[in-house]
Amino acid sequence: YLDQITPNGWLIDTLEVPNSMRPTAHEGELVTSFSSKSELGLHL
């Protein structure tokens, strides 16, 4: 999930990345390994 928040921490909304439980044929799907702490770094 990608949570959009204000810089002071208030949640605005959430975007779920397409996955096997919510697939989108035109985009594909992606998951993480839940306990893998080094994953999902975000960059512009």
PDB file of all heavy atoms in Angstrom:
ATOM      1  N   TYR A   1       0.847  -1.194   0.000  1.00  0.00           N
ATOM      2  CA  TYR A   1       0.000   0.000   0.000  1.00  0.00           C
ATOM      3  C   TYR A   1       0.883   1.245   0.000  1.00  0.00           C
ATOM      4  O   TYR A   1       1.937   1.279   0.645  1.00  0.00           O
ATOM      5  CB  TYR A   1      -0.912   0.025   1.223  1.00  0.00           C
ATOM      6  CG  TYR A   1      -1.902  -1.109   1.276  1.00  0.00           C
ATOM      7  CD1 TYR A   1      -1.607  -2.286   1.960  1.00  0.00           C
ATOM      8  CD2 TYR A   1      -3.134  -1.014   0.631  1.00  0.00           C
ATOM      9  CE1 TYR A   1      -2.511  -3.334   1.998  1.00  0.00           C
ATOM     10  CE2 TYR A   1      -4.040  -2.055   0.668  1.00  0.00           C
ATOM     11  CZ  TYR A   1      -3.727  -3.214   1.355  1.00  0.00           C
ATOM     12  OH  TYR A   1      -4.634  -4.252   1.387  1.00  0.00           O
ATOM     13  N   LEU A   2       0.440   2.246  -0.717  1.00  0.00           N
ATOM     14  CA  LEU A   2       1.095   3.542  -0.709  1.00  0.00           C
ATOM     15  C   LEU A   2       0.170   4.532  -0.021  1.00  0.00           C
ATOM     16  O   LEU A   2      -0.883   4.892  -0.563  1.00  0.00           O
ATOM     17  CB  LEU A   2       1.410   3.996  -2.143  1.00  0.00           C
ATOM     18  CG  LEU A   2       2.294   3.055  -2.962  1.00  0.00           C
ATOM     19  CD1 LEU A   2       2.486   3.612  -4.360  1.00  0.00           C
ATOM     20  CD2 LEU A   2       3.640   2.818  -2.278  1.00  0.00           C
ATOM     21  N   ASP A   3       0.546   4.952   1.187  1.00  0.00           N
ATOM     22  CA  ASP A   3      -0.254   5.884   1.977  1.00  0.00           C
ATOM     23  C   ASP A   3       0.173   7.313   1.669  1.00  0.00           C
ATOM     24  O   ASP A   3       1.341   7.668   1.866  1.00  0.00           O
ATOM     25  CB  ASP A   3      -0.075   5.621   3.480  1.00  0.00           C
ATOM     26  CG  ASP A   3      -0.651   4.289   3.906  1.00  0.00           C
ATOM     27  OD1 ASP A   3      -1.675   3.875   3.347  1.00  0.00           O
ATOM     28  OD2 ASP A   3      -0.065   3.646   4.799  1.00  0.00           O
ATOM     29  N   GLN A   4      -0.743   8.131   1.207  1.00  0.00           N
ATOM     30  CA  GLN A   4      -0.470   9.550   1.004  1.00  0.00           C
ATOM     31  C   GLN A   4      -0.824  10.297   2.279  1.00  0.00           C
ATOM     32  O   GLN A   4      -1.967  10.219   2.762  1.00  0.00           O
ATOM     33  CB  GLN A   4      -1.273  10.099  -0.171  1.00  0.00           C
ATOM     34  CG  GLN A   4      -1.000  11.571  -0.424  1.00  0.00           C
ATOM     35  CD  GLN A   4      -1.651  12.100  -1.688  1.00  0.00           C
ATOM     36  OE1 GLN A   4      -1.210  13.093  -2.243  1.00  0.00           O
ATOM     37  NE2 GLN A   4      -2.707  11.447  -2.153  1.00  0.00           N
ATOM     38  N   ILE A   5       0.152  10.987   2.850  1.00  0.00           N
ATOM     39  CA  ILE A   5      -0.070  11.700   4.101  1.00  0.00           C
ATOM     40  C   ILE A   5       0.447  13.126   3.968  1.00  0.00           C
ATOM     41  O   ILE A   5       1.277  13.433   3.118  1.00  0.00           O
ATOM     42  CB  ILE A   5       0.626  11.003   5.294  1.00  0.00           C
ATOM     43  CG1 ILE A   5       2.147  11.047   5.128  1.00  0.00           C
ATOM     44  CG2 ILE A   5       0.135   9.575   5.468  1.00  0.00           C
ATOM     45  CD1 ILE A   5       2.918  10.528   6.337  1.00  0.00           C
ATOM     46  N   THR A   6      -0.060  14.004   4.809  1.00  0.00           N
ATOM     47  CA  THR A   6       0.483  15.352   4.866  1.00  0.00           C
ATOM     48  C   THR A   6       1.840  15.301   5.561  1.00  0.00           C
ATOM     49  O   THR A   6       2.146  14.335   6.276  1.00  0.00           O
ATOM     50  CB  THR A   6      -0.443  16.283   5.661  1.00  0.00           C
ATOM     51  OG1 THR A   6      -0.534  15.811   7.012  1.00  0.00           O
ATOM     52  CG2 THR A   6      -1.830  16.344   5.037  1.00  0.00           C
ATOM     53  N   PRO A   7       2.672  16.322   5.390  1.00  0.00           N
ATOM     54  CA  PRO A   7       3.988  16.294   6.039  1.00  0.00           C
ATOM     55  C   PRO A   7       3.931  16.214   7.555  1.00  0.00           C
ATOM     56  O   PRO A   7       4.927  15.839   8.181  1.00  0.00           O
ATOM     57  CB  PRO A   7       4.629  17.606   5.573  1.00  0.00           C
ATOM     58  CG  PRO A   7       4.000  17.870   4.246  1.00  0.00           C
ATOM     59  CD  PRO A   7       2.567  17.438   4.423  1.00  0.00           C
ATOM     60  N   ASN A   8       2.808  16.563   8.159  1.00  0.00           N
ATOM     61  CA  ASN A   8       2.707  16.433   9.613  1.00  0.00           C
ATOM     62  C   ASN A   8       1.966  15.175  10.035  1.00  0.00           C
ATOM     63  O   ASN A   8       1.571  15.035  11.182  1.00  0.00           O
ATOM     64  CB  ASN A   8       2.064  17.675  10.236  1.00  0.00           C
ATOM     65  CG  ASN A   8       0.665  17.935   9.728  1.00  0.00           C
ATOM     66  OD1 ASN A   8       0.291  17.465   8.668  1.00  0.00           O
ATOM     67  ND2 ASN A   8      -0.103  18.694  10.478  1.00  0.00           N
ATOM     68  N   GLY A   9       1.777  14.228   9.096  1.00  0.00           N
ATOM     69  CA  GLY A   9       1.384  12.886   9.480  1.00  0.00           C
ATOM     70  C   GLY A   9      -0.053  12.493   9.285  1.00  0.00           C
ATOM     71  O   GLY A   9      -0.409  11.355   9.581  1.00  0.00           O
ATOM     72  N   TRP A  10      -0.911  13.375   8.791  1.00  0.00           N
ATOM     73  CA  TRP A  10      -2.324  13.023   8.650  1.00  0.00           C
ATOM     74  C   TRP A  10      -2.558  12.273   7.351  1.00  0.00           C
ATOM     75  O   TRP A  10      -2.129  12.692   6.274  1.00  0.00           O
ATOM     76  CB  TRP A  10      -3.192  14.282   8.691  1.00  0.00           C
ATOM     77  CG  TRP A  10      -3.156  14.944  10.020  1.00  0.00           C
ATOM     78  CD1 TRP A  10      -2.366  15.988  10.400  1.00  0.00           C
ATOM     79  CD2 TRP A  10      -3.924  14.580  11.166  1.00  0.00           C
ATOM     80  NE1 TRP A  10      -2.593  16.304  11.712  1.00  0.00           N
ATOM     81  CE2 TRP A  10      -3.544  15.465  12.223  1.00  0.00           C
ATOM     82  CE3 TRP A  10      -4.881  13.612  11.430  1.00  0.00           C
ATOM     83  CZ2 TRP A  10      -4.092  15.399  13.490  1.00  0.00           C
ATOM     84  CZ3 TRP A  10      -5.438  13.552  12.702  1.00  0.00           C
ATOM     85  CH2 TRP A  10      -5.042  14.428  13.706  1.00  0.00           C
ATOM     86  N   LEU A  11      -3.287  11.158   7.459  1.00  0.00           N
ATOM     87  CA  LEU A  11      -3.564  10.329   6.298  1.00  0.00           C
ATOM     88  C   LEU A  11      -4.589  11.000   5.389  1.00  0.00           C
ATOM     89  O   LEU A  11      -5.639  11.454   5.834  1.00  0.00           O
ATOM     90  CB  LEU A  11      -4.087   8.963   6.739  1.00  0.00           C
ATOM     91  CG  LEU A  11      -4.455   7.996   5.621  1.00  0.00           C
ATOM     92  CD1 LEU A  11      -3.228   7.523   4.879  1.00  0.00           C
ATOM     93  CD2 LEU A  11      -5.240   6.810   6.170  1.00  0.00           C
ATOM     94  N   ILE A  12      -4.285  11.036   4.086  1.00  0.00           N
ATOM     95  CA  ILE A  12      -5.222  11.550   3.089  1.00  0.00           C
ATOM     96  C   ILE A  12      -5.943  10.393   2.407  1.00  0.00           C
ATOM     97  O   ILE A  12      -7.168  10.308   2.433  1.00  0.00           O
ATOM     98  CB  ILE A  12      -4.485  12.420   2.051  1.00  0.00           C
ATOM     99  CG1 ILE A  12      -3.864  13.637   2.730  1.00  0.00           C
ATOM    100  CG2 ILE A  12      -5.427  12.854   0.934  1.00  0.00           C
ATOM    101  CD1 ILE A  12      -2.937  14.436   1.844  1.00  0.00           C
ATOM    102  N   ASP A  13      -5.192   9.495   1.804  1.00  0.00           N
ATOM    103  CA  ASP A  13      -5.780   8.313   1.185  1.00  0.00           C
ATOM    104  C   ASP A  13      -4.710   7.273   0.937  1.00  0.00           C
ATOM    105  O   ASP A  13      -3.526   7.493   1.217  1.00  0.00           O
ATOM    106  CB  ASP A  13      -6.546   8.657  -0.094  1.00  0.00           C
ATOM    107  CG  ASP A  13      -5.721   9.501  -1.054  1.00  0.00           C
ATOM    108  OD1 ASP A  13      -4.503   9.645  -0.840  1.00  0.00           O
ATOM    109  OD2 ASP A  13      -6.300  10.024  -2.026  1.00  0.00           O
ATOM    110  N   THR A  14      -5.137   6.121   0.418  1.00  0.00           N
ATOM    111  CA  THR A  14      -4.250   4.968   0.259  1.00  0.00           C
ATOM    112  C   THR A  14      -4.437   4.353  -1.120  1.00  0.00           C
ATOM    113  O   THR A  14      -5.562   4.185  -1.591  1.00  0.00           O
ATOM    114  CB  THR A  14      -4.549   3.911   1.342  1.00  0.00           C
ATOM    115  OG1 THR A  14      -4.211   4.449   2.618  1.00  0.00           O
ATOM    116  CG2 THR A  14      -3.743   2.648   1.113  1.00  0.00           C
ATOM    117  N   LEU A  15      -3.341   4.020  -1.751  1.00  0.00           N
ATOM    118  CA  LEU A  15      -3.349   3.357  -3.053  1.00  0.00           C
ATOM    119  C   LEU A  15      -2.800   1.951  -2.891  1.00  0.00           C
ATOM    120  O   LEU A  15      -1.665   1.771  -2.432  1.00  0.00           O
ATOM    121  CB  LEU A  15      -2.491   4.149  -4.038  1.00  0.00           C
ATOM    122  CG  LEU A  15      -2.351   3.585  -5.454  1.00  0.00           C
ATOM    123  CD1 LEU A  15      -3.702   3.583  -6.163  1.00  0.00           C
ATOM    124  CD2 LEU A  15      -1.321   4.377  -6.247  1.00  0.00           C
ATOM    125  N   GLU A  16      -3.593   0.963  -3.255  1.00  0.00           N
ATOM    126  CA  GLU A  16      -3.148  -0.419  -3.204  1.00  0.00           C
ATOM    127  C   GLU A  16      -2.462  -0.781  -4.513  1.00  0.00           C
ATOM    128  O   GLU A  16      -3.000  -0.550  -5.602  1.00  0.00           O
ATOM    129  CB  GLU A  16      -4.329  -1.364  -2.949  1.00  0.00           C
ATOM    130  CG  GLU A  16      -3.916  -2.827  -2.812  1.00  0.00           C
ATOM    131  CD  GLU A  16      -5.083  -3.739  -2.478  1.00  0.00           C
ATOM    132  OE1 GLU A  16      -6.201  -3.220  -2.263  1.00  0.00           O
ATOM    133  OE2 GLU A  16      -4.878  -4.962  -2.435  1.00  0.00           O
ATOM    134  N   VAL A  17      -1.274  -1.341  -4.415  1.00  0.00           N
ATOM    135  CA  VAL A  17      -0.542  -1.775  -5.604  1.00  0.00           C
ATOM    136  C   VAL A  17      -1.216  -3.033  -6.156  1.00  0.00           C
ATOM    137  O   VAL A  17      -1.568  -3.935  -5.393  1.00  0.00           O
ATOM    138  CB  VAL A  17       0.934  -2.057  -5.258  1.00  0.00           C
ATOM    139  CG1 VAL A  17       1.693  -2.553  -6.482  1.00  0.00           C
ATOM    140  CG2 VAL A  17       1.587  -0.793  -4.701  1.00  0.00           C
ATOM    141  N   PRO A  18      -1.438  -3.105  -7.477  1.00  0.00           N
ATOM    142  CA  PRO A  18      -2.095  -4.296  -8.035  1.00  0.00           C
ATOM    143  C   PRO A  18      -1.409  -5.586  -7.607  1.00  0.00           C
ATOM    144  O   PRO A  18      -0.178  -5.676  -7.564  1.00  0.00           O
ATOM    145  CB  PRO A  18      -1.969  -4.078  -9.550  1.00  0.00           C
ATOM    146  CG  PRO A  18      -1.876  -2.596  -9.708  1.00  0.00           C
ATOM    147  CD  PRO A  18      -1.118  -2.106  -8.503  1.00  0.00           C
ATOM    148  N   ASN A  19      -2.210  -6.587  -7.274  1.00  0.00           N
ATOM    149  CA  ASN A  19      -1.697  -7.870  -6.800  1.00  0.00           C
ATOM    150  C   ASN A  19      -2.663  -8.970  -7.179  1.00  0.00           C
ATOM    151  O   ASN A  19      -3.696  -8.718  -7.809  1.00  0.00           O
ATOM    152  CB  ASN A  19      -1.459  -7.817  -5.283  1.00  0.00           C
ATOM    153  CG  ASN A  19      -2.717  -7.439  -4.523  1.00  0.00           C
ATOM    154  OD1 ASN A  19      -3.664  -8.218  -4.436  1.00  0.00           O
ATOM    155  ND2 ASN A  19      -2.757  -6.218  -3.981  1.00  0.00           N
ATOM    156  N   SER A  20      -2.353 -10.214  -6.796  1.00  0.00           N
ATOM    157  CA  SER A  20      -3.183 -11.349  -7.194  1.00  0.00           C
ATOM    158  C   SER A  20      -4.572 -11.303  -6.583  1.00  0.00           C
ATOM    159  O   SER A  20      -5.496 -11.939  -7.098  1.00  0.00           O
ATOM    160  CB  SER A  20      -2.494 -12.667  -6.816  1.00  0.00           C
ATOM    161  OG  SER A  20      -2.278 -12.739  -5.412  1.00  0.00           O
ATOM    162  N   MET A  21      -4.745 -10.562  -5.492  1.00  0.00           N
ATOM    163  CA  MET A  21      -6.064 -10.399  -4.894  1.00  0.00           C
ATOM    164  C   MET A  21      -6.830  -9.230  -5.512  1.00  0.00           C
ATOM    165  O   MET A  21      -8.035  -9.116  -5.327  1.00  0.00           O
ATOM    166  CB  MET A  21      -5.932 -10.199  -3.384  1.00  0.00           C
ATOM    167  CG  MET A  21      -5.453 -11.425  -2.644  1.00  0.00           C
ATOM    168  SD  MET A  21      -5.409 -11.133  -0.851  1.00  0.00           S
ATOM    169  CE  MET A  21      -5.072 -12.785  -0.262  1.00  0.00           C
ATOM    170  N   ARG A  22      -6.100  -8.354  -6.197  1.00  0.00           N
ATOM    171  CA  ARG A  22      -6.728  -7.230  -6.909  1.00  0.00           C
ATOM    172  C   ARG A  22      -5.963  -7.007  -8.208  1.00  0.00           C
ATOM    173  O   ARG A  22      -5.260  -6.021  -8.376  1.00  0.00           O
ATOM    174  CB  ARG A  22      -6.710  -5.964  -6.055  1.00  0.00           C
ATOM    175  CG  ARG A  22      -7.612  -4.862  -6.614  1.00  0.00           C
ATOM    176  CD  ARG A  22      -7.478  -3.572  -5.828  1.00  0.00           C
ATOM    177  NE  ARG A  22      -6.215  -2.905  -6.037  1.00  0.00           N
ATOM    178  CZ  ARG A  22      -5.949  -2.119  -7.086  1.00  0.00           C
ATOM    179  NH1 ARG A  22      -6.840  -1.940  -8.029  1.00  0.00           N
ATOM    180  NH2 ARG A  22      -4.774  -1.520  -7.198  1.00  0.00           N
ATOM    181  N   PRO A  23      -6.064  -7.948  -9.137  1.00  0.00           N
ATOM    182  CA  PRO A  23      -5.263  -7.859 -10.360  1.00  0.00           C
ATOM    183  C   PRO A  23      -5.803  -6.833 -11.346  1.00  0.00           C
ATOM    184  O   PRO A  23      -6.986  -6.524 -11.354  1.00  0.00           O
ATOM    185  CB  PRO A  23      -5.374  -9.273 -10.932  1.00  0.00           C
ATOM    186  CG  PRO A  23      -6.711  -9.761 -10.455  1.00  0.00           C
ATOM    187  CD  PRO A  23      -6.888  -9.153  -9.081  1.00  0.00           C
ATOM    188  N   THR A  24      -4.894  -6.301 -12.160  1.00  0.00           N
ATOM    189  CA  THR A  24      -5.263  -5.460 -13.296  1.00  0.00           C
ATOM    190  C   THR A  24      -4.471  -5.944 -14.491  1.00  0.00           C
ATOM    191  O   THR A  24      -3.245  -5.872 -14.499  1.00  0.00           O
ATOM    192  CB  THR A  24      -4.934  -3.972 -13.022  1.00  0.00           C
ATOM    193  OG1 THR A  24      -3.550  -3.842 -12.720  1.00  0.00           O
ATOM    194  CG2 THR A  24      -5.753  -3.428 -11.860  1.00  0.00           C
ATOM    195  N   ALA A  25      -5.165  -6.443 -15.487  1.00  0.00           N
ATOM    196  CA  ALA A  25      -4.494  -7.073 -16.622  1.00  0.00           C
ATOM    197  C   ALA A  25      -3.592  -6.099 -17.358  1.00  0.00           C
ATOM    198  O   ALA A  25      -2.532  -6.483 -17.862  1.00  0.00           O
ATOM    199  CB  ALA A  25      -5.543  -7.654 -17.573  1.00  0.00           C
ATOM    200  N   HIS A  26      -3.960  -4.821 -17.422  1.00  0.00           N
ATOM    201  CA  HIS A  26      -3.174  -3.869 -18.192  1.00  0.00           C
ATOM    202  C   HIS A  26      -1.956  -3.361 -17.432  1.00  0.00           C
ATOM    203  O   HIS A  26      -1.049  -2.796 -18.031  1.00  0.00           O
ATOM    204  CB  HIS A  26      -4.049  -2.688 -18.625  1.00  0.00           C
ATOM    205  CG  HIS A  26      -4.559  -1.859 -17.488  1.00  0.00           C
ATOM    206  ND1 HIS A  26      -5.577  -2.302 -16.659  1.00  0.00           N
ATOM    207  CD2 HIS A  26      -4.195  -0.634 -17.031  1.00  0.00           C
ATOM    208  CE1 HIS A  26      -5.827  -1.377 -15.748  1.00  0.00           C
ATOM    209  NE2 HIS A  26      -5.005  -0.359 -15.951  1.00  0.00           N
ATOM    210  N   GLU A  27      -1.929  -3.555 -16.100  1.00  0.00           N
ATOM    211  CA  GLU A  27      -0.797  -3.073 -15.317  1.00  0.00           C
ATOM    212  C   GLU A  27       0.101  -4.194 -14.819  1.00  0.00           C
ATOM    213  O   GLU A  27       1.314  -4.043 -14.745  1.00  0.00           O
ATOM    214  CB  GLU A  27      -1.299  -2.254 -14.118  1.00  0.00           C
ATOM    215  CG  GLU A  27      -1.912  -0.921 -14.507  1.00  0.00           C
ATOM    216  CD  GLU A  27      -2.380  -0.127 -13.293  1.00  0.00           C
ATOM    217  OE1 GLU A  27      -2.907  -0.755 -12.351  1.00  0.00           O
ATOM    218  OE2 GLU A  27      -2.223   1.098 -13.290  1.00  0.00           O
ATOM    219  N   GLY A  28      -0.478  -5.331 -14.463  1.00  0.00           N
ATOM    220  CA  GLY A  28       0.293  -6.417 -13.884  1.00  0.00           C
ATOM    221  C   GLY A  28       0.097  -6.473 -12.392  1.00  0.00           C
ATOM    222  O   GLY A  28      -0.912  -5.972 -11.857  1.00  0.00           O
ATOM    223  N   GLU A  29       1.047  -7.068 -11.677  1.00  0.00           N
ATOM    224  CA  GLU A  29       0.917  -7.182 -10.227  1.00  0.00           C
ATOM    225  C   GLU A  29       2.295  -7.245  -9.578  1.00  0.00           C
ATOM    226  O   GLU A  29       3.284  -7.613 -10.209  1.00  0.00           O
ATOM    227  CB  GLU A  29       0.093  -8.406  -9.855  1.00  0.00           C
ATOM    228  CG  GLU A  29       0.649  -9.724 -10.356  1.00  0.00           C
ATOM    229  CD  GLU A  29      -0.297 -10.885 -10.119  1.00  0.00           C
ATOM    230  OE1 GLU A  29      -1.450 -10.838 -10.590  1.00  0.00           O
ATOM    231  OE2 GLU A  29       0.134 -11.851  -9.447  1.00  0.00           O
ATOM    232  N   LEU A  30       2.326  -6.903  -8.287  1.00  0.00           N
ATOM    233  CA  LEU A  30       3.585  -6.850  -7.544  1.00  0.00           C
ATOM    234  C   LEU A  30       3.298  -7.023  -6.063  1.00  0.00           C
ATOM    235  O   LEU A  30       2.280  -6.536  -5.554  1.00  0.00           O
ATOM    236  CB  LEU A  30       4.281  -5.501  -7.773  1.00  0.00           C
ATOM    237  CG  LEU A  30       5.783  -5.446  -7.434  1.00  0.00           C
ATOM    238  CD1 LEU A  30       6.579  -6.184  -8.508  1.00  0.00           C
ATOM    239  CD2 LEU A  30       6.261  -4.011  -7.334  1.00  0.00           C
ATOM    240  N   VAL A  31       4.196  -7.715  -5.372  1.00  0.00           N
ATOM    241  CA  VAL A  31       4.092  -7.901  -3.928  1.00  0.00           C
ATOM    242  C   VAL A  31       5.453  -7.668  -3.294  1.00  0.00           C
ATOM    243  O   VAL A  31       6.473  -7.558  -3.977  1.00  0.00           O
ATOM    244  CB  VAL A  31       3.596  -9.321  -3.565  1.00  0.00           C
ATOM    245  CG1 VAL A  31       2.155  -9.525  -3.991  1.00  0.00           C
ATOM    246  CG2 VAL A  31       4.515 -10.391  -4.181  1.00  0.00           C
ATOM    247  N   THR A  32       5.463  -7.616  -1.976  1.00  0.00           N
ATOM    248  CA  THR A  32       6.699  -7.581  -1.205  1.00  0.00           C
ATOM    249  C   THR A  32       6.760  -8.823  -0.340  1.00  0.00           C
ATOM    250  O   THR A  32       5.776  -9.574  -0.240  1.00  0.00           O
ATOM    251  CB  THR A  32       6.759  -6.312  -0.334  1.00  0.00           C
ATOM    252  OG1 THR A  32       8.062  -6.201   0.267  1.00  0.00           O
ATOM    253  CG2 THR A  32       5.718  -6.343   0.781  1.00  0.00           C
ATOM    254  N   SER A  33       7.898  -9.071   0.273  1.00  0.00           N
ATOM    255  CA  SER A  33       8.007 -10.117   1.281  1.00  0.00           C
ATOM    256  C   SER A  33       7.832  -9.429   2.626  1.00  0.00           C
ATOM    257  O   SER A  33       8.628  -8.557   2.995  1.00  0.00           O
ATOM    258  CB  SER A  33       9.363 -10.823   1.199  1.00  0.00           C
ATOM    259  OG  SER A  33       9.469 -11.821   2.198  1.00  0.00           O
ATOM    260  N   PHE A  34       6.787  -9.777   3.357  1.00  0.00           N
ATOM    261  CA  PHE A  34       6.366  -8.990   4.511  1.00  0.00           C
ATOM    262  C   PHE A  34       7.480  -8.721   5.503  1.00  0.00           C
ATOM    263  O   PHE A  34       7.627  -7.604   6.000  1.00  0.00           O
ATOM    264  CB  PHE A  34       5.202  -9.690   5.227  1.00  0.00           C
ATOM    265  CG  PHE A  34       4.670  -8.916   6.401  1.00  0.00           C
ATOM    266  CD1 PHE A  34       3.737  -7.914   6.218  1.00  0.00           C
ATOM    267  CD2 PHE A  34       5.104  -9.187   7.699  1.00  0.00           C
ATOM    268  CE1 PHE A  34       3.249  -7.185   7.291  1.00  0.00           C
ATOM    269  CE2 PHE A  34       4.626  -8.475   8.771  1.00  0.00           C
ATOM    270  CZ  PHE A  34       3.692  -7.468   8.573  1.00  0.00           C
ATOM    271  N   SER A  35       8.288  -9.716   5.809  1.00  0.00           N
ATOM    272  CA  SER A  35       9.300  -9.562   6.858  1.00  0.00           C
ATOM    273  C   SER A  35      10.646  -9.074   6.339  1.00  0.00           C
ATOM    274  O   SER A  35      11.583  -8.913   7.118  1.00  0.00           O
ATOM    275  CB  SER A  35       9.490 -10.888   7.601  1.00  0.00           C
ATOM    276  OG  SER A  35       9.871 -11.914   6.709  1.00  0.00           O
ATOM    277  N   SER A  36      10.738  -8.812   5.016  1.00  0.00           N
ATOM    278  CA  SER A  36      12.014  -8.356   4.445  1.00  0.00           C
ATOM    279  C   SER A  36      12.166  -6.857   4.659  1.00  0.00           C
ATOM    280  O   SER A  36      11.632  -6.047   3.897  1.00  0.00           O
ATOM    281  CB  SER A  36      12.093  -8.711   2.959  1.00  0.00           C
ATOM    282  OG  SER A  36      12.120 -10.104   2.786  1.00  0.00           O
ATOM    283  N   LYS A  37      12.902  -6.485   5.667  1.00  0.00           N
ATOM    284  CA  LYS A  37      12.963  -5.104   6.144  1.00  0.00           C
ATOM    285  C   LYS A  37      13.642  -4.144   5.183  1.00  0.00           C
ATOM    286  O   LYS A  37      13.460  -2.934   5.290  1.00  0.00           O
ATOM    287  CB  LYS A  37      13.697  -5.070   7.482  1.00  0.00           C
ATOM    288  CG  LYS A  37      15.127  -5.613   7.416  1.00  0.00           C
ATOM    289  CD  LYS A  37      15.741  -5.750   8.790  1.00  0.00           C
ATOM    290  CE  LYS A  37      17.154  -6.317   8.702  1.00  0.00           C
ATOM    291  NZ  LYS A  37      17.755  -6.497  10.045  1.00  0.00           N
ATOM    292  N   SER A  38      14.434  -4.660   4.245  1.00  0.00           N
ATOM    293  CA  SER A  38      15.194  -3.770   3.356  1.00  0.00           C
ATOM    294  C   SER A  38      14.419  -3.368   2.112  1.00  0.00           C
ATOM    295  O   SER A  38      14.933  -2.612   1.288  1.00  0.00           O
ATOM    296  CB  SER A  38      16.505  -4.449   2.946  1.00  0.00           C
ATOM    297  OG  SER A  38      16.245  -5.681   2.289  1.00  0.00           O
ATOM    298  N   GLU A  39      13.191  -3.827   1.958  1.00  0.00           N
ATOM    299  CA  GLU A  39      12.449  -3.613   0.722  1.00  0.00           C
ATOM    300  C   GLU A  39      11.581  -2.349   0.759  1.00  0.00           C
ATOM    301  O   GLU A  39      11.389  -1.725   1.796  1.00  0.00           O
ATOM    302  CB  GLU A  39      11.579  -4.845   0.427  1.00  0.00           C
ATOM    303  CG  GLU A  39      12.404  -6.087   0.169  1.00  0.00           C
ATOM    304  CD  GLU A  39      11.589  -7.342  -0.036  1.00  0.00           C
ATOM    305  OE1 GLU A  39      10.339  -7.274  -0.054  1.00  0.00           O
ATOM    306  OE2 GLU A  39      12.214  -8.403  -0.177  1.00  0.00           O
ATOM    307  N   LEU A  40      11.063  -2.014  -0.427  1.00  0.00           N
ATOM    308  CA  LEU A  40      10.069  -0.948  -0.622  1.00  0.00           C
ATOM    309  C   LEU A  40      10.580   0.452  -0.326  1.00  0.00           C
ATOM    310  O   LEU A  40       9.806   1.345   0.055  1.00  0.00           O
ATOM    311  CB  LEU A  40       8.797  -1.217   0.199  1.00  0.00           C
ATOM    312  CG  LEU A  40       7.993  -2.459  -0.193  1.00  0.00           C
ATOM    313  CD1 LEU A  40       6.720  -2.533   0.644  1.00  0.00           C
ATOM    314  CD2 LEU A  40       7.674  -2.460  -1.673  1.00  0.00           C
ATOM    315  N   GLY A  41      11.889   0.677  -0.497  1.00  0.00           N
ATOM    316  CA  GLY A  41      12.363   2.047  -0.474  1.00  0.00           C
ATOM    317  C   GLY A  41      11.724   2.828  -1.610  1.00  0.00           C
ATOM    318  O   GLY A  41      11.558   2.316  -2.714  1.00  0.00           O
ATOM    319  N   LEU A  42      11.338   4.075  -1.364  1.00  0.00           N
ATOM    320  CA  LEU A  42      10.647   4.912  -2.351  1.00  0.00           C
ATOM    321  C   LEU A  42      11.563   6.035  -2.828  1.00  0.00           C
ATOM    322  O   LEU A  42      12.260   6.652  -2.023  1.00  0.00           O
ATOM    323  CB  LEU A  42       9.384   5.526  -1.746  1.00  0.00           C
ATOM    324  CG  LEU A  42       8.301   4.566  -1.242  1.00  0.00           C
ATOM    325  CD1 LEU A  42       7.177   5.359  -0.589  1.00  0.00           C
ATOM    326  CD2 LEU A  42       7.766   3.697  -2.373  1.00  0.00           C
ATOM    327  N   HIS A  43      11.523   6.312  -4.143  1.00  0.00           N
ATOM    328  CA  HIS A  43      12.309   7.419  -4.687  1.00  0.00           C
ATOM    329  C   HIS A  43      11.540   8.108  -5.800  1.00  0.00           C
ATOM    330  O   HIS A  43      10.898   7.449  -6.631  1.00  0.00           O
ATOM    331  CB  HIS A  43      13.648   6.920  -5.246  1.00  0.00           C
ATOM    332  CG  HIS A  43      14.645   6.594  -4.188  1.00  0.00           C
ATOM    333  ND1 HIS A  43      15.398   7.552  -3.559  1.00  0.00           N
ATOM    334  CD2 HIS A  43      15.015   5.403  -3.646  1.00  0.00           C
ATOM    335  CE1 HIS A  43      16.201   6.968  -2.670  1.00  0.00           C
ATOM    336  NE2 HIS A  43      15.981   5.666  -2.711  1.00  0.00           N
ATOM    337  N   LEU A  44      11.637   9.426  -5.835  1.00  0.00           N
ATOM    338  CA  LEU A  44      11.119  10.180  -6.960  1.00  0.00           C
ATOM    339  C   LEU A  44      12.037  10.019  -8.162  1.00  0.00           C
ATOM    340  O   LEU A  44      13.257   9.866  -8.015  1.00  0.00           O
ATOM    341  CB  LEU A  44      11.008  11.661  -6.608  1.00  0.00           C
ATOM    342  CG  LEU A  44       9.863  12.071  -5.679  1.00  0.00           C
ATOM    343  CD1 LEU A  44       9.999  13.539  -5.300  1.00  0.00           C
ATOM    344  CD2 LEU A  44       8.506  11.808  -6.336  1.00  0.00           C
TER     345      LEU A  44
END
